[in-house]
Amino acid sequence: MVTGWLARIGTACGALYVIISVIATGGGGDTNSPSLGADGATIARYYAAHTYSQGVPLEALAILVQVFFVAALWGVLRRSEPAPAWLSAAALGAGMAAVPRPEG
C-alpha cells in the first residue's frame, strides 16, 4: 500500500528535520561553545565569531523536509478524524506557519 511507506517517510522527515537543523546551525559538537548559564554578551560574541558556511543549503533542505513532514502529518490527521476535518486543516495551517521564512 502506497500510504504505508509514505507515512513512514513522513515520520522520518520529522526526525530528519531536527537533525539537519541542528547541523545547519552548528549546534552540538563544539566544546568551546558557551554554557546555558552564560550571559548574553558572551553568547553573542561566540556566534558572531563562529559562522557556518554549510548553514544556508542545509537550512533550505531542512525547510523542505519540514514541509513534507507537516503534509504527511496532515494526511494522517485528516484520515483519522470525522467528516468536517477542520482540526487537521488547522494543524496544517499551524505547521505551515511554523515553517521558517528566509530573512532578506
Protein backbone atom coordinates (compact mmCIF):
# COMPACT_ATOMS: atom_id res chain seq x y z
CA MET A 1 0.00 0.00 0.00
CA VAL A 2 1.37 3.38 -1.02
CA THR A 3 0.20 5.28 2.06
CA GLY A 4 2.13 2.93 4.36
CA TRP A 5 5.56 3.78 3.04
CA LEU A 6 4.62 7.43 2.55
CA ALA A 7 3.64 7.64 6.22
CA ARG A 8 6.99 6.14 7.20
CA ILE A 9 8.86 8.62 5.02
CA GLY A 10 6.80 11.47 6.51
CA THR A 11 7.66 10.30 10.02
CA ALA A 12 11.34 10.01 9.11
CA CYS A 13 11.22 13.56 7.74
CA GLY A 14 10.18 14.81 11.18
CA ALA A 15 13.32 13.34 12.73
CA LEU A 16 15.48 14.40 9.79
CA TYR A 17 14.28 17.98 10.14
CA VAL A 18 15.56 18.18 13.70
CA ILE A 19 18.91 16.56 12.85
CA ILE A 20 19.54 18.73 9.78
CA SER A 21 18.53 21.90 11.65
CA VAL A 22 20.97 21.20 14.47
CA ILE A 23 23.78 20.55 12.00
CA ALA A 24 22.92 23.66 9.94
CA THR A 25 23.06 25.94 12.96
CA GLY A 26 26.32 24.44 14.15
CA GLY A 27 24.81 23.08 17.32
CA GLY A 28 26.24 20.14 19.15
CA GLY A 29 29.89 19.35 18.78
CA ASP A 30 31.84 22.47 19.67
CA THR A 31 33.30 22.11 23.16
CA ASN A 32 34.16 25.83 23.26
CA SER A 33 30.56 26.96 22.95
CA PRO A 34 29.12 28.98 25.84
CA SER A 35 27.15 27.15 28.51
CA LEU A 36 23.43 27.61 29.05
CA GLY A 37 24.12 29.88 32.00
CA ALA A 38 26.38 32.27 30.06
CA ASP A 39 25.38 35.91 29.77
CA GLY A 40 24.00 37.35 26.53
CA ALA A 41 27.18 39.20 25.55
CA THR A 42 29.26 36.00 25.74
CA ILE A 43 26.76 34.10 23.60
CA ALA A 44 26.55 36.94 21.05
CA ARG A 45 30.37 37.15 20.81
CA TYR A 46 30.63 33.41 20.27
CA TYR A 47 28.06 33.29 17.47
CA ALA A 48 29.43 36.42 15.81
CA ALA A 49 32.86 34.76 15.64
CA HIS A 50 31.60 31.36 14.50
CA THR A 51 29.87 31.38 11.14
CA TYR A 52 28.80 28.18 9.47
CA SER A 53 29.18 28.09 5.70
CA GLN A 54 27.13 24.92 5.33
CA GLY A 55 24.18 26.57 7.09
CA VAL A 56 22.21 28.07 4.21
CA PRO A 57 21.90 25.00 1.95
CA LEU A 58 21.26 22.75 4.94
CA GLU A 59 18.61 25.09 6.29
CA ALA A 60 16.92 25.06 2.88
CA LEU A 61 16.94 21.27 2.93
CA ALA A 62 15.58 21.27 6.50
CA ILE A 63 12.70 23.55 5.45
CA LEU A 64 11.84 21.23 2.55
CA VAL A 65 11.90 18.22 4.86
CA GLN A 66 9.75 20.04 7.42
CA VAL A 67 7.13 20.89 4.80
CA PHE A 68 6.97 17.24 3.75
CA PHE A 69 6.61 16.18 7.41
CA VAL A 70 3.78 18.65 8.04
CA ALA A 71 1.96 17.49 4.88
CA ALA A 72 2.33 13.83 5.89
CA LEU A 73 1.09 14.63 9.40
CA TRP A 74 -1.91 16.43 7.93
CA GLY A 75 -2.76 13.35 5.84
CA VAL A 76 -2.67 11.09 8.90
CA LEU A 77 -4.77 13.50 10.98
CA ARG A 78 -7.29 14.04 8.17
CA ARG A 79 -7.89 10.31 7.76
CA SER A 80 -8.39 9.81 11.49
CA GLU A 81 -10.99 12.50 12.19
CA PRO A 82 -14.69 12.56 11.26
CA ALA A 83 -16.36 14.40 8.36
CA PRO A 84 -15.74 18.12 8.80
CA ALA A 85 -11.99 17.73 9.05
CA TRP A 86 -11.27 21.18 10.39
CA LEU A 87 -8.81 20.16 13.13
CA SER A 88 -6.43 18.59 10.63
CA ALA A 89 -6.72 21.69 8.45
CA ALA A 90 -5.90 23.86 11.48
CA ALA A 91 -2.88 21.66 12.23
CA LEU A 92 -1.75 22.00 8.60
CA GLY A 93 -2.09 25.78 8.76
CA ALA A 94 -0.19 25.97 12.04
CA GLY A 95 2.52 23.69 10.69
CA MET A 96 2.98 25.77 7.56
CA ALA A 97 3.02 28.96 9.62
CA ALA A 98 5.83 27.45 11.69
CA VAL A 99 8.00 26.91 8.59
CA PRO A 100 10.80 29.47 8.79
CA ARG A 101 10.91 32.07 6.06
CA PRO A 102 14.20 33.40 4.74
CA GLU A 103 15.13 36.82 6.02
CA GLY A 104 16.31 39.15 3.37
